[in-house]
Amino acid sequence: MSISPAPVNFAALIDHTLLKPEATAAQVTALCAEARAHHFAAVCVNPAHIELAARLLQGSGVAACTVVGFPLGASRSEVKAYEAAEALELGATEIDMVINIGALKGGEYDLVSRDIVAVVQACKAHRPPALVKVIIEACLLTDDEKVKACQLAQAAGADFVKTSTGFSTGGALPADVALMRRTVGPAMGVKAAGGIRSRADAEAMVAAGATRIGTSSGVKIVGGAEAAGSPSGQKY
């Protein structure tokens, strides 16, 4: 007699995301209301909106997440660390940082490591400590570079590796998620983000090893109203 696997609670995996530059406070407010209603894992917004999001999500069980060094990853490490620390003071409980992509591709691994460590230290020094997700921007990397980026993030003490910003040349691919999962093993989180617009997309990412889904289509994915009228949405 076969036993069917337990159904996936997709809502608990979703970072409900609004990172487009023209996002308004009213749209962030609507995003947070959706996240509360559907019990999503987190809301992910730009730093300018993190204080509002944190206030709206207080007591809901939904985490307040913001991005650091976003979307290029080319800020100095000290700036990323400061940006993270300030966001935590404003109520963020999760930080998604972008690595120094050019440094990684140039083989400057010590620089990439210091960059990640600076943000991890800022987040772990905060009380309570904040989760750190490291965006590797997989669409710009070779497979060997993806592996190296994941190894550096894991060694630096990050909690997750994440596929994409959603603002580069491509989004999440199941093959990248699977490679990232094989690299970091079972204990570290893997977040798939960029271009995940349907339940089928989300299922493919989870099957490949994702434990978080960054998407602007969370309501649609969990079976609610179509996302066409949602305040979120971005390039990928």
C-alpha atoms as a PDB file:
ATOM      1  CA  MET A   1       0.000   0.000   0.000  1.00  0.00           C
ATOM      2  CA  SER A   2       1.534   3.308  -1.089  1.00  0.00           C
ATOM      3  CA  ILE A   3       1.335   6.428   1.044  1.00  0.00           C
ATOM      4  CA  SER A   4       0.655   9.690  -0.739  1.00  0.00           C
ATOM      5  CA  PRO A   5       2.951  12.571   0.198  1.00  0.00           C
ATOM      6  CA  ALA A   6       1.470  15.272   2.374  1.00  0.00           C
ATOM      7  CA  PRO A   7       0.143  18.227   0.366  1.00  0.00           C
ATOM      8  CA  VAL A   8       2.397  21.268   0.239  1.00  0.00           C
ATOM      9  CA  ASN A   9       1.199  24.354   2.097  1.00  0.00           C
ATOM     10  CA  PHE A  10       2.313  26.836  -0.553  1.00  0.00           C
ATOM     11  CA  ALA A  11       1.165  29.861   1.436  1.00  0.00           C
ATOM     12  CA  ALA A  12       3.720  29.063   4.141  1.00  0.00           C
ATOM     13  CA  LEU A  13       6.500  29.141   1.510  1.00  0.00           C
ATOM     14  CA  ILE A  14       5.630  32.402  -0.217  1.00  0.00           C
ATOM     15  CA  ASP A  15       7.454  35.707   0.149  1.00  0.00           C
ATOM     16  CA  HIS A  16       4.750  38.027  -1.219  1.00  0.00           C
ATOM     17  CA  THR A  17       6.832  40.486  -3.191  1.00  0.00           C
ATOM     18  CA  LEU A  18       6.556  44.069  -4.431  1.00  0.00           C
ATOM     19  CA  LEU A  19       9.892  45.488  -5.538  1.00  0.00           C
ATOM     20  CA  LYS A  20       9.044  47.536  -8.613  1.00  0.00           C
ATOM     21  CA  PRO A  21      10.422  51.076  -8.360  1.00  0.00           C
ATOM     22  CA  GLU A  22       7.051  52.783  -8.818  1.00  0.00           C
ATOM     23  CA  ALA A  23       5.431  50.933  -5.912  1.00  0.00           C
ATOM     24  CA  THR A  24       3.310  53.190  -3.713  1.00  0.00           C
ATOM     25  CA  ALA A  25       2.500  53.076  -0.022  1.00  0.00           C
ATOM     26  CA  ALA A  26      -1.089  52.198  -0.921  1.00  0.00           C
ATOM     27  CA  GLN A  27       0.119  49.192  -2.929  1.00  0.00           C
ATOM     28  CA  VAL A  28       2.343  48.040  -0.069  1.00  0.00           C
ATOM     29  CA  THR A  29      -0.629  48.337   2.277  1.00  0.00           C
ATOM     30  CA  ALA A  30      -2.708  46.142  -0.051  1.00  0.00           C
ATOM     31  CA  LEU A  31       0.165  43.652  -0.342  1.00  0.00           C
ATOM     32  CA  CYS A  32       0.385  43.324   3.435  1.00  0.00           C
ATOM     33  CA  ALA A  33      -3.360  42.809   3.713  1.00  0.00           C
ATOM     34  CA  GLU A  34      -3.136  39.979   1.172  1.00  0.00           C
ATOM     35  CA  ALA A  35      -0.230  38.416   3.048  1.00  0.00           C
ATOM     36  CA  ARG A  36      -2.110  38.539   6.343  1.00  0.00           C
ATOM     37  CA  ALA A  37      -5.236  37.057   4.768  1.00  0.00           C
ATOM     38  CA  HIS A  38      -3.377  34.153   3.175  1.00  0.00           C
ATOM     39  CA  HIS A  39      -0.806  33.604   5.965  1.00  0.00           C
ATOM     40  CA  PHE A  40       2.187  33.948   3.677  1.00  0.00           C
ATOM     41  CA  ALA A  41       5.703  33.436   5.025  1.00  0.00           C
ATOM     42  CA  ALA A  42       6.790  37.032   4.429  1.00  0.00           C
ATOM     43  CA  VAL A  43       6.230  40.275   2.599  1.00  0.00           C
ATOM     44  CA  CYS A  44       9.263  41.516   0.648  1.00  0.00           C
ATOM     45  CA  VAL A  45       9.437  45.226  -0.180  1.00  0.00           C
ATOM     46  CA  ASN A  46      12.044  47.864  -0.930  1.00  0.00           C
ATOM     47  CA  PRO A  47      13.796  49.531   2.033  1.00  0.00           C
ATOM     48  CA  ALA A  48      11.760  52.720   1.668  1.00  0.00           C
ATOM     49  CA  HIS A  49       8.633  50.727   2.569  1.00  0.00           C
ATOM     50  CA  ILE A  50       9.950  48.366   5.248  1.00  0.00           C
ATOM     51  CA  GLU A  51       8.841  50.471   8.222  1.00  0.00           C
ATOM     52  CA  LEU A  52       5.278  50.599   6.856  1.00  0.00           C
ATOM     53  CA  ALA A  53       5.249  46.884   6.084  1.00  0.00           C
ATOM     54  CA  ALA A  54       6.630  45.932   9.492  1.00  0.00           C
ATOM     55  CA  ARG A  55       3.961  47.997  11.220  1.00  0.00           C
ATOM     56  CA  LEU A  56       1.152  46.523   9.118  1.00  0.00           C
ATOM     57  CA  LEU A  57       2.370  42.961   9.683  1.00  0.00           C
ATOM     58  CA  GLN A  58       2.931  43.256  13.426  1.00  0.00           C
ATOM     59  CA  GLY A  59       1.404  40.308  15.277  1.00  0.00           C
ATOM     60  CA  SER A  60       0.387  38.536  12.069  1.00  0.00           C
ATOM     61  CA  GLY A  61       3.091  35.895  11.957  1.00  0.00           C
ATOM     62  CA  VAL A  62       4.104  37.189   8.505  1.00  0.00           C
ATOM     63  CA  ALA A  63       7.755  38.259   8.366  1.00  0.00           C
ATOM     64  CA  ALA A  64       8.803  41.704   7.127  1.00  0.00           C
ATOM     65  CA  CYS A  65      11.558  41.325   4.534  1.00  0.00           C
ATOM     66  CA  THR A  66      13.558  43.877   2.583  1.00  0.00           C
ATOM     67  CA  VAL A  67      16.386  43.875   0.056  1.00  0.00           C
ATOM     68  CA  VAL A  68      19.980  45.084   0.414  1.00  0.00           C
ATOM     69  CA  GLY A  69      22.413  46.034  -2.345  1.00  0.00           C
ATOM     70  CA  PHE A  70      19.480  45.629  -4.682  1.00  0.00           C
ATOM     71  CA  PRO A  71      19.292  44.883  -7.566  1.00  0.00           C
ATOM     72  CA  LEU A  72      22.900  45.134  -8.796  1.00  0.00           C
ATOM     73  CA  GLY A  73      24.865  43.916  -5.784  1.00  0.00           C
ATOM     74  CA  ALA A  74      27.565  46.450  -6.577  1.00  0.00           C
ATOM     75  CA  SER A  75      27.400  48.518  -3.390  1.00  0.00           C
ATOM     76  CA  ARG A  76      30.320  48.436  -0.964  1.00  0.00           C
ATOM     77  CA  SER A  77      30.119  45.867   1.805  1.00  0.00           C
ATOM     78  CA  GLU A  78      29.989  48.573   4.481  1.00  0.00           C
ATOM     79  CA  VAL A  79      27.002  50.139   2.745  1.00  0.00           C
ATOM     80  CA  LYS A  80      25.180  46.817   2.549  1.00  0.00           C
ATOM     81  CA  ALA A  81      25.828  46.164   6.247  1.00  0.00           C
ATOM     82  CA  TYR A  82      24.557  49.634   7.171  1.00  0.00           C
ATOM     83  CA  GLU A  83      21.517  49.219   4.946  1.00  0.00           C
ATOM     84  CA  ALA A  84      20.709  45.909   6.634  1.00  0.00           C
ATOM     85  CA  ALA A  85      21.192  47.287  10.154  1.00  0.00           C
ATOM     86  CA  GLU A  86      18.969  50.279   9.450  1.00  0.00           C
ATOM     87  CA  ALA A  87      16.246  48.063   7.990  1.00  0.00           C
ATOM     88  CA  LEU A  88      16.318  45.885  11.098  1.00  0.00           C
ATOM     89  CA  GLU A  89      15.880  48.949  13.299  1.00  0.00           C
ATOM     90  CA  LEU A  90      12.833  49.840  11.211  1.00  0.00           C
ATOM     91  CA  GLY A  91      11.272  46.433  11.803  1.00  0.00           C
ATOM     92  CA  ALA A  92      12.654  44.077   9.157  1.00  0.00           C
ATOM     93  CA  THR A  93      13.065  40.487  10.292  1.00  0.00           C
ATOM     94  CA  GLU A  94      14.493  39.073   7.052  1.00  0.00           C
ATOM     95  CA  ILE A  95      17.108  40.512   4.676  1.00  0.00           C
ATOM     96  CA  ASP A  96      17.607  39.475   1.041  1.00  0.00           C
ATOM     97  CA  MET A  97      21.047  40.702  -0.073  1.00  0.00           C
ATOM     98  CA  VAL A  98      22.612  40.646  -3.536  1.00  0.00           C
ATOM     99  CA  ILE A  99      26.186  39.400  -3.792  1.00  0.00           C
ATOM    100  CA  ASN A 100      28.923  41.323  -5.576  1.00  0.00           C
ATOM    101  CA  ILE A 101      28.344  39.546  -8.884  1.00  0.00           C
ATOM    102  CA  GLY A 102      31.297  41.089 -10.696  1.00  0.00           C
ATOM    103  CA  ALA A 103      33.664  40.101  -7.905  1.00  0.00           C
ATOM    104  CA  LEU A 104      32.423  36.521  -8.040  1.00  0.00           C
ATOM    105  CA  LYS A 105      32.854  36.329 -11.800  1.00  0.00           C
ATOM    106  CA  GLY A 106      36.318  37.862 -11.454  1.00  0.00           C
ATOM    107  CA  GLY A 107      37.402  35.216  -8.969  1.00  0.00           C
ATOM    108  CA  GLU A 108      37.624  37.666  -6.043  1.00  0.00           C
ATOM    109  CA  TYR A 109      36.180  35.154  -3.624  1.00  0.00           C
ATOM    110  CA  ASP A 110      37.555  36.776  -0.481  1.00  0.00           C
ATOM    111  CA  LEU A 111      35.753  39.987  -1.397  1.00  0.00           C
ATOM    112  CA  VAL A 112      32.488  38.118  -2.024  1.00  0.00           C
ATOM    113  CA  SER A 113      32.858  36.315   1.291  1.00  0.00           C
ATOM    114  CA  ARG A 114      33.525  39.536   3.220  1.00  0.00           C
ATOM    115  CA  ASP A 115      30.524  41.119   1.520  1.00  0.00           C
ATOM    116  CA  ILE A 116      28.184  38.377   2.687  1.00  0.00           C
ATOM    117  CA  VAL A 117      29.747  38.148   6.145  1.00  0.00           C
ATOM    118  CA  ALA A 118      29.260  41.888   6.688  1.00  0.00           C
ATOM    119  CA  VAL A 119      25.506  41.559   6.205  1.00  0.00           C
ATOM    120  CA  VAL A 120      25.252  38.285   8.116  1.00  0.00           C
ATOM    121  CA  GLN A 121      27.058  39.801  11.100  1.00  0.00           C
ATOM    122  CA  ALA A 122      24.764  42.839  11.094  1.00  0.00           C
ATOM    123  CA  CYS A 123      21.713  40.573  11.028  1.00  0.00           C
ATOM    124  CA  LYS A 124      22.900  38.117  13.641  1.00  0.00           C
ATOM    125  CA  ALA A 125      23.989  40.910  16.003  1.00  0.00           C
ATOM    126  CA  HIS A 126      20.451  42.274  16.020  1.00  0.00           C
ATOM    127  CA  ARG A 127      17.991  41.111  18.671  1.00  0.00           C
ATOM    128  CA  PRO A 128      16.172  39.084  17.661  1.00  0.00           C
ATOM    129  CA  PRO A 129      18.537  37.910  14.918  1.00  0.00           C
ATOM    130  CA  ALA A 130      17.270  38.251  11.352  1.00  0.00           C
ATOM    131  CA  LEU A 131      17.295  35.703   8.561  1.00  0.00           C
ATOM    132  CA  VAL A 132      19.690  36.366   5.671  1.00  0.00           C
ATOM    133  CA  LYS A 133      18.963  35.252   2.119  1.00  0.00           C
ATOM    134  CA  VAL A 134      21.810  35.631  -0.380  1.00  0.00           C
ATOM    135  CA  ILE A 135      20.781  36.425  -3.964  1.00  0.00           C
ATOM    136  CA  ILE A 136      23.318  34.966  -6.386  1.00  0.00           C
ATOM    137  CA  GLU A 137      21.625  36.169  -9.634  1.00  0.00           C
ATOM    138  CA  ALA A 138      21.957  32.747 -11.254  1.00  0.00           C
ATOM    139  CA  CYS A 139      21.091  33.960 -14.760  1.00  0.00           C
ATOM    140  CA  LEU A 140      24.445  35.789 -14.896  1.00  0.00           C
ATOM    141  CA  LEU A 141      26.557  32.859 -13.645  1.00  0.00           C
ATOM    142  CA  THR A 142      27.982  29.642 -14.993  1.00  0.00           C
ATOM    143  CA  ASP A 143      27.115  26.470 -13.120  1.00  0.00           C
ATOM    144  CA  ASP A 144      30.553  26.483 -11.491  1.00  0.00           C
ATOM    145  CA  GLU A 145      29.989  30.088 -10.378  1.00  0.00           C
ATOM    146  CA  LYS A 146      26.564  29.200  -8.983  1.00  0.00           C
ATOM    147  CA  VAL A 147      28.138  26.431  -6.925  1.00  0.00           C
ATOM    148  CA  LYS A 148      30.889  28.745  -5.669  1.00  0.00           C
ATOM    149  CA  ALA A 149      28.388  31.473  -4.747  1.00  0.00           C
ATOM    150  CA  CYS A 150      26.325  28.984  -2.744  1.00  0.00           C
ATOM    151  CA  GLN A 151      29.396  27.642  -0.984  1.00  0.00           C
ATOM    152  CA  LEU A 152      30.495  31.153  -0.011  1.00  0.00           C
ATOM    153  CA  ALA A 153      27.023  32.049   1.278  1.00  0.00           C
ATOM    154  CA  GLN A 154      26.828  28.879   3.327  1.00  0.00           C
ATOM    155  CA  ALA A 155      30.309  29.361   4.789  1.00  0.00           C
ATOM    156  CA  ALA A 156      29.414  32.956   5.710  1.00  0.00           C
ATOM    157  CA  GLY A 157      26.506  31.773   7.860  1.00  0.00           C
ATOM    158  CA  ALA A 158      23.601  32.847   5.652  1.00  0.00           C
ATOM    159  CA  ASP A 159      20.264  31.108   6.102  1.00  0.00           C
ATOM    160  CA  PHE A 160      19.206  30.878   2.450  1.00  0.00           C
ATOM    161  CA  VAL A 161      20.572  31.120  -1.049  1.00  0.00           C
ATOM    162  CA  LYS A 162      18.237  32.735  -3.555  1.00  0.00           C
ATOM    163  CA  THR A 163      18.191  32.430  -7.328  1.00  0.00           C
ATOM    164  CA  SER A 164      17.391  35.889  -8.626  1.00  0.00           C
ATOM    165  CA  THR A 165      16.487  39.519  -8.094  1.00  0.00           C
ATOM    166  CA  GLY A 166      13.795  39.406 -10.768  1.00  0.00           C
ATOM    167  CA  PHE A 167      15.355  42.429 -12.446  1.00  0.00           C
ATOM    168  CA  SER A 168      18.176  40.911 -14.509  1.00  0.00           C
ATOM    169  CA  THR A 169      18.142  38.818 -17.691  1.00  0.00           C
ATOM    170  CA  GLY A 170      16.152  35.897 -16.296  1.00  0.00           C
ATOM    171  CA  GLY A 171      14.412  34.436 -13.305  1.00  0.00           C
ATOM    172  CA  ALA A 172      14.339  31.165 -11.409  1.00  0.00           C
ATOM    173  CA  LEU A 173      14.871  27.862 -13.201  1.00  0.00           C
ATOM    174  CA  PRO A 174      14.200  24.440 -11.631  1.00  0.00           C
ATOM    175  CA  ALA A 175      17.638  23.285 -12.802  1.00  0.00           C
ATOM    176  CA  ASP A 176      19.293  26.129 -10.883  1.00  0.00           C
ATOM    177  CA  VAL A 177      17.240  25.412  -7.779  1.00  0.00           C
ATOM    178  CA  ALA A 178      18.240  21.739  -7.962  1.00  0.00           C
ATOM    179  CA  LEU A 179      21.912  22.649  -8.375  1.00  0.00           C
ATOM    180  CA  MET A 180      21.739  25.045  -5.431  1.00  0.00           C
ATOM    181  CA  ARG A 181      20.025  22.401  -3.282  1.00  0.00           C
ATOM    182  CA  ARG A 182      22.670  19.793  -4.138  1.00  0.00           C
ATOM    183  CA  THR A 183      25.387  22.296  -3.266  1.00  0.00           C
ATOM    184  CA  VAL A 184      24.105  23.437   0.124  1.00  0.00           C
ATOM    185  CA  GLY A 185      22.557  20.163   1.260  1.00  0.00           C
ATOM    186  CA  PRO A 186      19.314  19.678   3.164  1.00  0.00           C
ATOM    187  CA  ALA A 187      19.842  22.048   6.084  1.00  0.00           C
ATOM    188  CA  MET A 188      20.101  25.427   4.307  1.00  0.00           C
ATOM    189  CA  GLY A 189      17.164  27.229   2.741  1.00  0.00           C
ATOM    190  CA  VAL A 190      16.841  27.709  -1.023  1.00  0.00           C
ATOM    191  CA  LYS A 191      14.614  30.489  -2.304  1.00  0.00           C
ATOM    192  CA  ALA A 192      13.389  30.501  -5.887  1.00  0.00           C
ATOM    193  CA  ALA A 193      12.401  33.932  -7.170  1.00  0.00           C
ATOM    194  CA  GLY A 194      11.749  35.554 -10.518  1.00  0.00           C
ATOM    195  CA  GLY A 195       9.119  34.515 -13.055  1.00  0.00           C
ATOM    196  CA  ILE A 196       7.097  32.283 -10.720  1.00  0.00           C
ATOM    197  CA  ARG A 197       3.561  33.161 -11.710  1.00  0.00           C
ATOM    198  CA  SER A 198       1.496  29.982 -11.437  1.00  0.00           C
ATOM    199  CA  ARG A 199       0.839  27.011  -9.185  1.00  0.00           C
ATOM    200  CA  ALA A 200       2.676  24.813 -11.695  1.00  0.00           C
ATOM    201  CA  ASP A 201       5.718  27.101 -11.533  1.00  0.00           C
ATOM    202  CA  ALA A 202       5.730  26.933  -7.739  1.00  0.00           C
ATOM    203  CA  GLU A 203       5.307  23.159  -7.732  1.00  0.00           C
ATOM    204  CA  ALA A 204       8.292  22.779 -10.070  1.00  0.00           C
ATOM    205  CA  MET A 205      10.480  24.899  -7.797  1.00  0.00           C
ATOM    206  CA  VAL A 206       9.480  22.983  -4.672  1.00  0.00           C
ATOM    207  CA  ALA A 207      10.073  19.674  -6.453  1.00  0.00           C
ATOM    208  CA  ALA A 208      13.565  20.920  -7.347  1.00  0.00           C
ATOM    209  CA  GLY A 209      14.324  21.732  -3.714  1.00  0.00           C
ATOM    210  CA  ALA A 210      13.045  25.248  -2.979  1.00  0.00           C
ATOM    211  CA  THR A 211      11.888  25.993   0.554  1.00  0.00           C
ATOM    212  CA  ARG A 212      10.775  29.569  -0.174  1.00  0.00           C
ATOM    213  CA  ILE A 213       9.089  31.079  -3.213  1.00  0.00           C
ATOM    214  CA  GLY A 214       9.519  34.759  -3.980  1.00  0.00           C
ATOM    215  CA  THR A 215       6.662  35.895  -6.174  1.00  0.00           C
ATOM    216  CA  SER A 216       4.304  38.724  -6.965  1.00  0.00           C
ATOM    217  CA  SER A 217       1.595  36.150  -7.802  1.00  0.00           C
ATOM    218  CA  GLY A 218       1.137  34.614  -4.379  1.00  0.00           C
ATOM    219  CA  VAL A 219      -2.616  35.089  -4.274  1.00  0.00           C
ATOM    220  CA  LYS A 220      -3.020  33.334  -7.612  1.00  0.00           C
ATOM    221  CA  ILE A 221      -0.705  30.496  -6.605  1.00  0.00           C
ATOM    222  CA  VAL A 222      -2.633  29.677  -3.441  1.00  0.00           C
ATOM    223  CA  GLY A 223      -5.869  29.601  -5.404  1.00  0.00           C
ATOM    224  CA  GLY A 224      -7.352  32.996  -4.641  1.00  0.00           C
ATOM    225  CA  ALA A 225      -8.321  35.773  -6.995  1.00  0.00           C
ATOM    226  CA  GLU A 226      -6.344  36.174 -10.192  1.00  0.00           C
ATOM    227  CA  ALA A 227      -3.247  38.281  -9.716  1.00  0.00           C
ATOM    228  CA  ALA A 228      -4.101  40.652 -12.562  1.00  0.00           C
ATOM    229  CA  GLY A 229      -5.410  43.198 -10.097  1.00  0.00           C
ATOM    230  CA  SER A 230      -2.690  42.622  -7.539  1.00  0.00           C
ATOM    231  CA  PRO A 231      -0.505  45.587  -6.557  1.00  0.00           C
ATOM    232  CA  SER A 232       2.625  43.559  -7.198  1.00  0.00           C
ATOM    233  CA  GLY A 233       4.347  42.382 -10.353  1.00  0.00           C
ATOM    234  CA  GLN A 234       7.750  42.892 -11.862  1.00  0.00           C
ATOM    235  CA  LYS A 235       9.816  41.964 -14.898  1.00  0.00           C
ATOM    236  CA  TYR A 236      10.437  38.321 -13.981  1.00  0.00           C
END
